[in-house]
PDB file of N, CA and C in Angstrom:
ATOM      1  N   UNK A   1      12.814 -13.426   1.579  1.00  0.00           N
ATOM      2  CA  UNK A   1      11.473 -13.488   2.125  1.00  0.00           C
ATOM      3  C   UNK A   1      10.464 -13.585   0.983  1.00  0.00           C
ATOM      4  N   UNK A   2       9.676 -14.624   0.978  1.00  0.00           N
ATOM      5  CA  UNK A   2       8.655 -14.827  -0.055  1.00  0.00           C
ATOM      6  C   UNK A   2       7.389 -14.091   0.343  1.00  0.00           C
ATOM      7  N   UNK A   3       6.898 -13.234  -0.542  1.00  0.00           N
ATOM      8  CA  UNK A   3       5.670 -12.493  -0.304  1.00  0.00           C
ATOM      9  C   UNK A   3       4.579 -13.106  -1.156  1.00  0.00           C
ATOM     10  N   UNK A   4       3.522 -13.607  -0.503  1.00  0.00           N
ATOM     11  CA  UNK A   4       2.428 -14.205  -1.254  1.00  0.00           C
ATOM     12  C   UNK A   4       1.451 -13.119  -1.644  1.00  0.00           C
ATOM     13  N   UNK A   5       1.285 -12.942  -2.940  1.00  0.00           N
ATOM     14  CA  UNK A   5       0.349 -11.969  -3.475  1.00  0.00           C
ATOM     15  C   UNK A   5      -0.567 -12.667  -4.466  1.00  0.00           C
ATOM     16  N   UNK A   6      -1.780 -12.149  -4.628  1.00  0.00           N
ATOM     17  CA  UNK A   6      -2.612 -12.695  -5.698  1.00  0.00           C
ATOM     18  C   UNK A   6      -1.935 -12.482  -7.045  1.00  0.00           C
ATOM     19  N   UNK A   7      -2.291 -13.278  -8.047  1.00  0.00           N
ATOM     20  CA  UNK A   7      -1.659 -13.185  -9.360  1.00  0.00           C
ATOM     21  C   UNK A   7      -1.700 -11.766  -9.893  1.00  0.00           C
ATOM     22  N   UNK A   8      -2.852 -11.094  -9.779  1.00  0.00           N
ATOM     23  CA  UNK A   8      -3.007  -9.742 -10.309  1.00  0.00           C
ATOM     24  C   UNK A   8      -2.010  -8.793  -9.644  1.00  0.00           C
ATOM     25  N   UNK A   9      -1.858  -8.900  -8.347  1.00  0.00           N
ATOM     26  CA  UNK A   9      -0.924  -8.029  -7.635  1.00  0.00           C
ATOM     27  C   UNK A   9       0.502  -8.296  -8.087  1.00  0.00           C
ATOM     28  N   UNK A  10       0.854  -9.559  -8.268  1.00  0.00           N
ATOM     29  CA  UNK A  10       2.188  -9.906  -8.726  1.00  0.00           C
ATOM     30  C   UNK A  10       2.429  -9.346 -10.115  1.00  0.00           C
ATOM     31  N   UNK A  11       1.451  -9.505 -10.997  1.00  0.00           N
ATOM     32  CA  UNK A  11       1.590  -9.011 -12.361  1.00  0.00           C
ATOM     33  C   UNK A  11       1.763  -7.493 -12.375  1.00  0.00           C
ATOM     34  N   UNK A  12       0.909  -6.779 -11.674  1.00  0.00           N
ATOM     35  CA  UNK A  12       1.000  -5.319 -11.653  1.00  0.00           C
ATOM     36  C   UNK A  12       2.293  -4.878 -10.987  1.00  0.00           C
ATOM     37  N   UNK A  13       2.644  -5.518  -9.879  1.00  0.00           N
ATOM     38  CA  UNK A  13       3.835  -5.119  -9.162  1.00  0.00           C
ATOM     39  C   UNK A  13       5.111  -5.318  -9.934  1.00  0.00           C
ATOM     40  N   UNK A  14       5.238  -6.437 -10.615  1.00  0.00           N
ATOM     41  CA  UNK A  14       6.480  -6.748 -11.304  1.00  0.00           C
ATOM     42  C   UNK A  14       6.513  -6.151 -12.703  1.00  0.00           C
ATOM     43  N   UNK A  15       5.437  -6.322 -13.445  1.00  0.00           N
ATOM     44  CA  UNK A  15       5.432  -5.902 -14.844  1.00  0.00           C
ATOM     45  C   UNK A  15       5.240  -4.396 -15.017  1.00  0.00           C
ATOM     46  N   UNK A  16       4.372  -3.785 -14.209  1.00  0.00           N
ATOM     47  CA  UNK A  16       4.037  -2.391 -14.423  1.00  0.00           C
ATOM     48  C   UNK A  16       4.526  -1.468 -13.310  1.00  0.00           C
ATOM     49  N   UNK A  17       4.883  -2.016 -12.194  1.00  0.00           N
ATOM     50  CA  UNK A  17       5.280  -1.194 -11.057  1.00  0.00           C
ATOM     51  C   UNK A  17       4.059  -0.755 -10.268  1.00  0.00           C
ATOM     52  N   UNK A  18       4.184  -0.751  -8.967  1.00  0.00           N
ATOM     53  CA  UNK A  18       3.085  -0.307  -8.112  1.00  0.00           C
ATOM     54  C   UNK A  18       3.248   1.188  -7.905  1.00  0.00           C
ATOM     55  N   UNK A  19       2.180   1.925  -8.129  1.00  0.00           N
ATOM     56  CA  UNK A  19       2.233   3.388  -8.093  1.00  0.00           C
ATOM     57  C   UNK A  19       2.623   3.916  -6.724  1.00  0.00           C
ATOM     58  N   UNK A  20       2.081   3.363  -5.681  1.00  0.00           N
ATOM     59  CA  UNK A  20       2.391   3.894  -4.361  1.00  0.00           C
ATOM     60  C   UNK A  20       1.906   2.977  -3.261  1.00  0.00           C
ATOM     61  N   UNK A  21       2.118   3.445  -2.049  1.00  0.00           N
ATOM     62  CA  UNK A  21       1.796   2.637  -0.876  1.00  0.00           C
ATOM     63  C   UNK A  21       0.298   2.379  -0.757  1.00  0.00           C
ATOM     64  N   UNK A  22      -0.523   3.350  -1.100  1.00  0.00           N
ATOM     65  CA  UNK A  22      -1.968   3.149  -1.032  1.00  0.00           C
ATOM     66  C   UNK A  22      -2.431   2.033  -1.945  1.00  0.00           C
ATOM     67  N   UNK A  23      -1.914   2.013  -3.170  1.00  0.00           N
ATOM     68  CA  UNK A  23      -2.262   0.949  -4.108  1.00  0.00           C
ATOM     69  C   UNK A  23      -1.750  -0.398  -3.601  1.00  0.00           C
ATOM     70  N   UNK A  24      -0.593  -0.394  -2.968  1.00  0.00           N
ATOM     71  CA  UNK A  24      -0.051  -1.616  -2.364  1.00  0.00           C
ATOM     72  C   UNK A  24      -1.041  -2.190  -1.354  1.00  0.00           C
ATOM     73  N   UNK A  25      -1.598  -1.323  -0.500  1.00  0.00           N
ATOM     74  CA  UNK A  25      -2.548  -1.778   0.514  1.00  0.00           C
ATOM     75  C   UNK A  25      -3.825  -2.329  -0.119  1.00  0.00           C
ATOM     76  N   UNK A  26      -4.248  -1.739  -1.238  1.00  0.00           N
ATOM     77  CA  UNK A  26      -5.412  -2.259  -1.961  1.00  0.00           C
ATOM     78  C   UNK A  26      -5.093  -3.641  -2.518  1.00  0.00           C
ATOM     79  N   UNK A  27      -3.945  -3.780  -3.151  1.00  0.00           N
ATOM     80  CA  UNK A  27      -3.564  -5.063  -3.740  1.00  0.00           C
ATOM     81  C   UNK A  27      -3.373  -6.146  -2.694  1.00  0.00           C
ATOM     82  N   UNK A  28      -2.947  -5.763  -1.515  1.00  0.00           N
ATOM     83  CA  UNK A  28      -2.765  -6.726  -0.431  1.00  0.00           C
ATOM     84  C   UNK A  28      -4.084  -7.061   0.264  1.00  0.00           C
ATOM     85  N   UNK A  29      -5.155  -6.328  -0.053  1.00  0.00           N
ATOM     86  CA  UNK A  29      -6.476  -6.632   0.490  1.00  0.00           C
ATOM     87  C   UNK A  29      -6.794  -5.981   1.819  1.00  0.00           C
ATOM     88  N   UNK A  30      -5.981  -5.039   2.267  1.00  0.00           N
ATOM     89  CA  UNK A  30      -6.233  -4.382   3.549  1.00  0.00           C
ATOM     90  C   UNK A  30      -7.318  -3.311   3.453  1.00  0.00           C
ATOM     91  N   UNK A  31      -7.420  -2.654   2.305  1.00  0.00           N
ATOM     92  CA  UNK A  31      -8.431  -1.625   2.091  1.00  0.00           C
ATOM     93  C   UNK A  31      -8.982  -1.771   0.680  1.00  0.00           C
ATOM     94  N   UNK A  32     -10.151  -1.194   0.459  1.00  0.00           N
ATOM     95  CA  UNK A  32     -10.683  -1.147  -0.902  1.00  0.00           C
ATOM     96  C   UNK A  32     -10.385   0.238  -1.483  1.00  0.00           C
ATOM     97  N   UNK A  33     -10.712   0.427  -2.730  1.00  0.00           N
ATOM     98  CA  UNK A  33     -10.401   1.712  -3.379  1.00  0.00           C
ATOM     99  C   UNK A  33     -11.175   2.875  -2.763  1.00  0.00           C
ATOM    100  N   UNK A  34     -12.388   2.621  -2.295  1.00  0.00           N
ATOM    101  CA  UNK A  34     -13.163   3.672  -1.650  1.00  0.00           C
ATOM    102  C   UNK A  34     -12.427   4.198  -0.418  1.00  0.00           C
ATOM    103  N   UNK A  35     -11.927   3.281   0.411  1.00  0.00           N
ATOM    104  CA  UNK A  35     -11.156   3.681   1.603  1.00  0.00           C
ATOM    105  C   UNK A  35      -9.873   4.395   1.200  1.00  0.00           C
ATOM    106  N   UNK A  36      -9.251   3.934   0.110  1.00  0.00           N
ATOM    107  CA  UNK A  36      -8.041   4.586  -0.375  1.00  0.00           C
ATOM    108  C   UNK A  36      -8.331   6.027  -0.762  1.00  0.00           C
ATOM    109  N   UNK A  37      -9.414   6.257  -1.497  1.00  0.00           N
ATOM    110  CA  UNK A  37      -9.744   7.618  -1.915  1.00  0.00           C
ATOM    111  C   UNK A  37     -10.098   8.506  -0.729  1.00  0.00           C
ATOM    112  N   UNK A  38     -10.770   7.942   0.269  1.00  0.00           N
ATOM    113  CA  UNK A  38     -11.049   8.707   1.487  1.00  0.00           C
ATOM    114  C   UNK A  38      -9.746   9.114   2.168  1.00  0.00           C
ATOM    115  N   UNK A  39      -8.828   8.159   2.272  1.00  0.00           N
ATOM    116  CA  UNK A  39      -7.546   8.435   2.922  1.00  0.00           C
ATOM    117  C   UNK A  39      -6.708   9.421   2.110  1.00  0.00           C
ATOM    118  N   UNK A  40      -6.761   9.309   0.784  1.00  0.00           N
ATOM    119  CA  UNK A  40      -6.036  10.265  -0.056  1.00  0.00           C
ATOM    120  C   UNK A  40      -6.565  11.679   0.137  1.00  0.00           C
ATOM    121  N   UNK A  41      -7.875  11.813   0.298  1.00  0.00           N
ATOM    122  CA  UNK A  41      -8.470  13.113   0.554  1.00  0.00           C
ATOM    123  C   UNK A  41      -7.971  13.689   1.881  1.00  0.00           C
ATOM    124  N   UNK A  42      -7.967  12.875   2.921  1.00  0.00           N
ATOM    125  CA  UNK A  42      -7.465  13.314   4.222  1.00  0.00           C
ATOM    126  C   UNK A  42      -5.980  13.654   4.122  1.00  0.00           C
ATOM    127  N   UNK A  43      -5.239  12.813   3.427  1.00  0.00           N
ATOM    128  CA  UNK A  43      -3.804  13.044   3.260  1.00  0.00           C
ATOM    129  C   UNK A  43      -3.539  14.380   2.567  1.00  0.00           C
ATOM    130  N   UNK A  44      -4.313  14.667   1.550  1.00  0.00           N
ATOM    131  CA  UNK A  44      -4.133  15.915   0.807  1.00  0.00           C
ATOM    132  C   UNK A  44      -4.559  17.133   1.633  1.00  0.00           C
ATOM    133  N   UNK A  45      -5.711  17.054   2.281  1.00  0.00           N
ATOM    134  CA  UNK A  45      -6.220  18.221   3.009  1.00  0.00           C
ATOM    135  C   UNK A  45      -5.442  18.507   4.286  1.00  0.00           C
ATOM    136  N   UNK A  46      -4.894  17.471   4.906  1.00  0.00           N
ATOM    137  CA  UNK A  46      -4.151  17.659   6.156  1.00  0.00           C
ATOM    138  C   UNK A  46      -2.636  17.563   5.968  1.00  0.00           C
ATOM    139  N   UNK A  47      -2.190  17.433   4.730  1.00  0.00           N
ATOM    140  CA  UNK A  47      -0.769  17.375   4.405  1.00  0.00           C
ATOM    141  C   UNK A  47      -0.041  16.333   5.250  1.00  0.00           C
ATOM    142  N   UNK A  48      -0.529  15.091   5.166  1.00  0.00           N
ATOM    143  CA  UNK A  48       0.092  13.991   5.902  1.00  0.00           C
ATOM    144  C   UNK A  48       0.280  12.807   4.965  1.00  0.00           C
ATOM    145  N   UNK A  49       0.997  11.821   5.429  1.00  0.00           N
ATOM    146  CA  UNK A  49       1.226  10.609   4.638  1.00  0.00           C
ATOM    147  C   UNK A  49      -0.040   9.758   4.616  1.00  0.00           C
ATOM    148  N   UNK A  50      -0.143   8.920   3.599  1.00  0.00           N
ATOM    149  CA  UNK A  50      -1.329   8.076   3.438  1.00  0.00           C
ATOM    150  C   UNK A  50      -1.510   7.148   4.639  1.00  0.00           C
ATOM    151  N   UNK A  51      -0.425   6.621   5.161  1.00  0.00           N
ATOM    152  CA  UNK A  51      -0.518   5.756   6.340  1.00  0.00           C
ATOM    153  C   UNK A  51      -1.055   6.490   7.545  1.00  0.00           C
ATOM    154  N   UNK A  52      -0.605   7.719   7.748  1.00  0.00           N
ATOM    155  CA  UNK A  52      -1.109   8.527   8.861  1.00  0.00           C
ATOM    156  C   UNK A  52      -2.595   8.819   8.690  1.00  0.00           C
ATOM    157  N   UNK A  53      -3.018   9.055   7.454  1.00  0.00           N
ATOM    158  CA  UNK A  53      -4.432   9.305   7.187  1.00  0.00           C
ATOM    159  C   UNK A  53      -5.277   8.074   7.506  1.00  0.00           C
ATOM    160  N   UNK A  54      -4.793   6.900   7.131  1.00  0.00           N
ATOM    161  CA  UNK A  54      -5.531   5.671   7.415  1.00  0.00           C
ATOM    162  C   UNK A  54      -5.628   5.414   8.914  1.00  0.00           C
ATOM    163  N   UNK A  55      -4.569   5.723   9.652  1.00  0.00           N
ATOM    164  CA  UNK A  55      -4.585   5.550  11.102  1.00  0.00           C
ATOM    165  C   UNK A  55      -5.524   6.565  11.746  1.00  0.00           C
ATOM    166  N   UNK A  56      -5.474   7.811  11.305  1.00  0.00           N
ATOM    167  CA  UNK A  56      -6.321   8.844  11.907  1.00  0.00           C
ATOM    168  C   UNK A  56      -7.804   8.578  11.662  1.00  0.00           C
ATOM    169  N   UNK A  57      -8.124   7.912  10.561  1.00  0.00           N
ATOM    170  CA  UNK A  57      -9.506   7.547  10.266  1.00  0.00           C
ATOM    171  C   UNK A  57      -9.898   6.213  10.912  1.00  0.00           C
ATOM    172  N   UNK A  58      -8.977   5.605  11.622  1.00  0.00           N
ATOM    173  CA  UNK A  58      -9.170   4.318  12.287  1.00  0.00           C
ATOM    174  C   UNK A  58      -9.550   3.212  11.299  1.00  0.00           C
ATOM    175  N   UNK A  59      -8.976   3.293  10.101  1.00  0.00           N
ATOM    176  CA  UNK A  59      -9.192   2.259   9.087  1.00  0.00           C
ATOM    177  C   UNK A  59      -8.192   1.123   9.300  1.00  0.00           C
ATOM    178  N   UNK A  60      -6.936   1.469   9.562  1.00  0.00           N
ATOM    179  CA  UNK A  60      -5.890   0.495   9.854  1.00  0.00           C
ATOM    180  C   UNK A  60      -5.106   0.952  11.079  1.00  0.00           C
ATOM    181  N   UNK A  61      -4.475   0.005  11.748  1.00  0.00           N
ATOM    182  CA  UNK A  61      -3.678   0.323  12.923  1.00  0.00           C
ATOM    183  C   UNK A  61      -2.257   0.733  12.563  1.00  0.00           C
ATOM    184  N   UNK A  62      -1.630   1.472  13.452  1.00  0.00           N
ATOM    185  CA  UNK A  62      -0.266   1.955  13.242  1.00  0.00           C
ATOM    186  C   UNK A  62       0.712   0.800  13.034  1.00  0.00           C
ATOM    187  N   UNK A  63       0.574  -0.265  13.820  1.00  0.00           N
ATOM    188  CA  UNK A  63       1.487  -1.399  13.699  1.00  0.00           C
ATOM    189  C   UNK A  63       1.431  -2.050  12.329  1.00  0.00           C
ATOM    190  N   UNK A  64       0.223  -2.225  11.805  1.00  0.00           N
ATOM    191  CA  UNK A  64       0.074  -2.821  10.484  1.00  0.00           C
ATOM    192  C   UNK A  64       0.663  -1.911   9.416  1.00  0.00           C
ATOM    193  N   UNK A  65       0.432  -0.619   9.531  1.00  0.00           N
ATOM    194  CA  UNK A  65       0.991   0.334   8.561  1.00  0.00           C
ATOM    195  C   UNK A  65       2.513   0.243   8.558  1.00  0.00           C
ATOM    196  N   UNK A  66       3.120   0.267   9.735  1.00  0.00           N
ATOM    197  CA  UNK A  66       4.586   0.209   9.817  1.00  0.00           C
ATOM    198  C   UNK A  66       5.125  -1.100   9.256  1.00  0.00           C
ATOM    199  N   UNK A  67       4.443  -2.191   9.533  1.00  0.00           N
ATOM    200  CA  UNK A  67       4.850  -3.497   9.000  1.00  0.00           C
ATOM    201  C   UNK A  67       4.759  -3.499   7.480  1.00  0.00           C
ATOM    202  N   UNK A  68       3.668  -3.002   6.933  1.00  0.00           N
ATOM    203  CA  UNK A  68       3.490  -3.004   5.479  1.00  0.00           C
ATOM    204  C   UNK A  68       4.430  -2.029   4.777  1.00  0.00           C
ATOM    205  N   UNK A  69       4.804  -0.937   5.426  1.00  0.00           N
ATOM    206  CA  UNK A  69       5.788  -0.025   4.850  1.00  0.00           C
ATOM    207  C   UNK A  69       7.106  -0.767   4.639  1.00  0.00           C
ATOM    208  N   UNK A  70       7.521  -1.539   5.628  1.00  0.00           N
ATOM    209  CA  UNK A  70       8.764  -2.316   5.500  1.00  0.00           C
ATOM    210  C   UNK A  70       8.669  -3.328   4.371  1.00  0.00           C
ATOM    211  N   UNK A  71       7.550  -4.042   4.290  1.00  0.00           N
ATOM    212  CA  UNK A  71       7.371  -5.036   3.234  1.00  0.00           C
ATOM    213  C   UNK A  71       7.346  -4.346   1.875  1.00  0.00           C
ATOM    214  N   UNK A  72       6.647  -3.217   1.774  1.00  0.00           N
ATOM    215  CA  UNK A  72       6.550  -2.465   0.524  1.00  0.00           C
ATOM    216  C   UNK A  72       7.924  -1.987   0.067  1.00  0.00           C
ATOM    217  N   UNK A  73       8.719  -1.466   0.974  1.00  0.00           N
ATOM    218  CA  UNK A  73      10.061  -1.015   0.624  1.00  0.00           C
ATOM    219  C   UNK A  73      10.934  -2.171   0.146  1.00  0.00           C
ATOM    220  N   UNK A  74      10.828  -3.315   0.817  1.00  0.00           N
ATOM    221  CA  UNK A  74      11.584  -4.491   0.394  1.00  0.00           C
ATOM    222  C   UNK A  74      11.130  -4.965  -0.975  1.00  0.00           C
ATOM    223  N   UNK A  75       9.831  -4.938  -1.211  1.00  0.00           N
ATOM    224  CA  UNK A  75       9.280  -5.370  -2.491  1.00  0.00           C
ATOM    225  C   UNK A  75       9.752  -4.463  -3.628  1.00  0.00           C
ATOM    226  N   UNK A  76       9.805  -3.166  -3.361  1.00  0.00           N
ATOM    227  CA  UNK A  76      10.270  -2.217  -4.378  1.00  0.00           C
ATOM    228  C   UNK A  76      11.721  -2.440  -4.745  1.00  0.00           C
ATOM    229  N   UNK A  77      12.503  -2.939  -3.810  1.00  0.00           N
ATOM    230  CA  UNK A  77      13.940  -3.119  -4.071  1.00  0.00           C
ATOM    231  C   UNK A  77      14.245  -4.409  -4.833  1.00  0.00           C
ATOM    232  N   UNK A  78      13.233  -5.280  -5.008  1.00  0.00           N
ATOM    233  CA  UNK A  78      13.456  -6.518  -5.759  1.00  0.00           C
ATOM    234  C   UNK A  78      13.662  -6.206  -7.238  1.00  0.00           C
ATOM    235  N   UNK A  79      14.532  -6.946  -7.909  1.00  0.00           N
ATOM    236  CA  UNK A  79      14.701  -6.716  -9.345  1.00  0.00           C
ATOM    237  C   UNK A  79      13.452  -7.143 -10.109  1.00  0.00           C
ATOM    238  N   UNK A  80      13.139  -6.445 -11.178  1.00  0.00           N
ATOM    239  CA  UNK A  80      11.966  -6.771 -11.997  1.00  0.00           C
ATOM    240  C   UNK A  80      12.197  -8.085 -12.719  1.00  0.00           C
ATOM    241  N   UNK A  81      11.106  -8.798 -12.938  1.00  0.00           N
ATOM    242  CA  UNK A  81      11.191 -10.078 -13.657  1.00  0.00           C
ATOM    243  C   UNK A  81      11.477  -9.798 -15.135  1.00  0.00           C
ATOM    244  N   UNK A  82      12.277 -10.651 -15.727  1.00  0.00           N
ATOM    245  CA  UNK A  82      12.629 -10.479 -17.136  1.00  0.00           C
ATOM    246  C   UNK A  82      11.551 -10.983 -18.041  1.00  0.00           C
TER     247      UNK A  82
END
């Protein structure tokens, strides 16, 4: 499965590794960093996953989160570029 990402996302993802799912969503263009930090705050204070925080804040839908989790997991399993 070919995943189309902007050059910057491809470079960070392959060369440096993506830190986590929240950063993945930023790189994919679904949220900006401000929304990510809001969701991280909710995630920390309510002891929930970042995806659950985004859904509870009505920033993203559950279906999109579940779809992107699958894509993110598949992307992580790809071998790094040499």
